[in-house]
Amino acid sequence: MNKKGAEWIGYILATGLFVAISVMAILWAKGHTEESTASTITYMEGKEECKMVFIDAKKNPDCNTISIENKGTVSIEKFVIRADDARSTETEGVLPTPEPIAIDLSSISPTKNIEILPIVEISQGQLASCTAKKLVIQCA
């Protein structure tokens, strides 16, 4: 039996396998890099939008309602309002108008603190939370 031909076939198959695995790794890395870059761009856009968010919130004495006023130039799509025991609620958007909106907090009944997190739209349907502009109101 001639084993020299079998050696060459083995080298050719090993080289082909190496090339195939290399191509798959390069394609995976390219897709991963594009995805990572796209999320970084979205985050940076959200950060720029959030720089123009200015909100003010006032509570009533028993902390059952709060009034939120958008003093910035960006429309706020919604607010996420959290109580200190992790219960939360969401509101509708607030345009930059001089009139504040009143929000009923009886569904979450805060005990100590209320967090108000504004969420803005950065592009068609993409929302970004402005964590740097989060307000904390103390109720007790």
Protein backbone atom coordinates (compact mmCIF):
# COMPACT_ATOMS: atom_id res chain seq x y z
CA MET A 1 0.00 0.00 0.00
CA ASN A 2 1.21 3.50 -0.86
CA LYS A 3 1.02 5.76 2.25
CA LYS A 4 2.55 8.84 0.58
CA GLY A 5 -0.77 9.79 -1.07
CA ALA A 6 -2.61 9.43 2.22
CA GLU A 7 -0.20 11.88 3.87
CA TRP A 8 -0.89 14.56 1.24
CA ILE A 9 -4.64 14.10 1.58
CA GLY A 10 -4.27 14.52 5.33
CA TYR A 11 -2.28 17.75 4.90
CA ILE A 12 -4.83 19.12 2.42
CA LEU A 13 -7.77 18.29 4.72
CA ALA A 14 -6.01 19.82 7.75
CA THR A 15 -5.22 22.99 5.79
CA GLY A 16 -8.83 23.22 4.59
CA LEU A 17 -10.13 22.79 8.13
CA PHE A 18 -7.76 25.52 9.38
CA VAL A 19 -8.92 27.93 6.65
CA ALA A 20 -12.60 27.21 7.33
CA ILE A 21 -12.23 27.80 11.08
CA SER A 22 -10.26 31.00 10.43
CA VAL A 23 -12.95 32.36 8.09
CA MET A 24 -15.68 31.58 10.63
CA ALA A 25 -13.72 33.33 13.39
CA ILE A 26 -13.16 36.42 11.24
CA LEU A 27 -16.85 36.64 10.28
CA TRP A 28 -17.92 36.25 13.91
CA ALA A 29 -15.49 38.96 15.05
CA LYS A 30 -16.68 41.32 12.32
CA GLY A 31 -20.33 40.89 13.32
CA HIS A 32 -19.52 41.26 17.00
CA THR A 33 -17.56 44.46 16.35
CA GLU A 34 -20.36 46.01 14.27
CA GLU A 35 -22.92 45.18 16.96
CA SER A 36 -20.71 46.62 19.69
CA THR A 37 -20.09 49.80 17.71
CA ALA A 38 -23.81 50.29 17.04
CA SER A 39 -24.67 50.01 20.75
CA THR A 40 -21.89 52.47 21.64
CA ILE A 41 -23.23 54.98 19.13
CA THR A 42 -26.75 54.60 20.55
CA TYR A 43 -25.45 55.10 24.08
CA MET A 44 -23.53 58.23 23.09
CA GLU A 45 -26.56 59.66 21.28
CA GLY A 46 -28.64 59.03 24.39
CA LYS A 47 -26.03 60.74 26.51
CA GLU A 48 -26.16 63.84 24.30
CA GLU A 49 -29.97 63.93 24.38
CA CYS A 50 -29.94 63.59 28.15
CA LYS A 51 -27.77 66.68 28.53
CA MET A 52 -30.82 68.73 27.47
CA VAL A 53 -33.20 67.14 30.00
CA PHE A 54 -34.12 69.28 33.00
CA ILE A 55 -36.99 68.21 35.23
CA ASP A 56 -38.44 69.49 38.45
CA ALA A 57 -40.71 67.54 40.79
CA LYS A 58 -42.78 68.60 43.77
CA LYS A 59 -44.68 66.37 46.16
CA ASN A 60 -47.79 67.01 48.15
CA PRO A 61 -47.47 66.68 51.96
CA ASP A 62 -48.75 63.08 52.20
CA CYS A 63 -46.65 62.00 49.16
CA ASN A 64 -49.62 60.49 47.29
CA THR A 65 -49.12 62.67 44.22
CA ILE A 66 -46.22 64.47 42.65
CA SER A 67 -46.14 67.09 39.94
CA ILE A 68 -43.37 66.87 37.35
CA GLU A 69 -42.37 69.75 35.13
CA ASN A 70 -40.15 69.46 32.06
CA LYS A 71 -37.96 72.55 31.95
CA GLY A 72 -35.63 71.28 29.21
CA THR A 73 -35.81 71.45 25.43
CA VAL A 74 -36.23 67.71 24.82
CA SER A 75 -39.55 65.88 24.87
CA ILE A 76 -39.54 63.23 27.54
CA GLU A 77 -41.26 60.09 26.27
CA LYS A 78 -42.06 58.70 29.71
CA PHE A 79 -40.95 58.51 33.31
CA VAL A 80 -40.24 55.41 35.33
CA ILE A 81 -41.20 56.08 38.92
CA ARG A 82 -39.91 53.65 41.56
CA ALA A 83 -40.67 53.39 45.23
CA ASP A 84 -37.97 52.34 47.66
CA ASP A 85 -39.34 48.78 47.87
CA ALA A 86 -38.78 48.19 44.11
CA ARG A 87 -42.41 48.75 43.06
CA SER A 88 -42.62 50.96 40.00
CA THR A 89 -44.97 52.59 37.54
CA GLU A 90 -44.58 54.30 34.16
CA THR A 91 -46.15 57.52 32.92
CA GLU A 92 -46.90 59.11 29.59
CA GLY A 93 -44.63 61.64 27.93
CA VAL A 94 -44.12 65.23 28.98
CA LEU A 95 -43.51 67.83 26.30
CA PRO A 96 -41.42 70.87 27.16
CA THR A 97 -44.34 73.05 28.29
CA PRO A 98 -44.67 75.37 31.26
CA GLU A 99 -47.48 73.26 32.76
CA PRO A 100 -46.53 70.44 35.15
CA ILE A 101 -48.30 67.08 35.11
CA ALA A 102 -49.67 65.45 38.25
CA ILE A 103 -48.93 61.77 38.87
CA ASP A 104 -50.88 59.66 41.32
CA LEU A 105 -48.62 57.47 43.46
CA SER A 106 -51.31 55.56 45.32
CA SER A 107 -50.57 52.40 43.29
CA ILE A 108 -46.99 52.18 44.55
CA SER A 109 -47.44 53.89 47.95
CA PRO A 110 -43.86 54.96 48.69
CA THR A 111 -42.59 54.77 52.24
CA LYS A 112 -39.31 56.71 52.16
CA ASN A 113 -38.01 57.62 48.70
CA ILE A 114 -39.32 57.99 45.17
CA GLU A 115 -36.99 57.80 42.18
CA ILE A 116 -38.03 59.57 38.98
CA LEU A 117 -36.14 58.44 35.88
CA PRO A 118 -36.77 60.33 32.61
CA ILE A 119 -36.70 58.36 29.35
CA VAL A 120 -36.18 60.13 26.01
CA GLU A 121 -36.39 58.99 22.40
CA ILE A 122 -33.01 59.18 20.69
CA SER A 123 -34.09 57.95 17.25
CA GLN A 124 -37.02 56.22 15.58
CA GLY A 125 -38.42 54.08 18.40
CA GLN A 126 -35.17 53.80 20.39
CA LEU A 127 -35.48 54.94 23.97
CA ALA A 128 -32.69 55.86 26.36
CA SER A 129 -32.94 56.36 30.11
CA CYS A 130 -31.24 59.42 31.50
CA THR A 131 -29.84 57.99 34.72
CA ALA A 132 -27.71 61.09 35.32
CA LYS A 133 -30.91 63.17 35.47
CA LYS A 134 -32.69 60.88 37.95
CA LEU A 135 -34.46 62.68 40.78
CA VAL A 136 -34.93 61.25 44.26
CA ILE A 137 -37.73 62.68 46.40
CA GLN A 138 -37.85 61.86 50.11
CA CYS A 139 -41.31 61.20 51.49
CA ALA A 140 -40.60 60.37 55.12
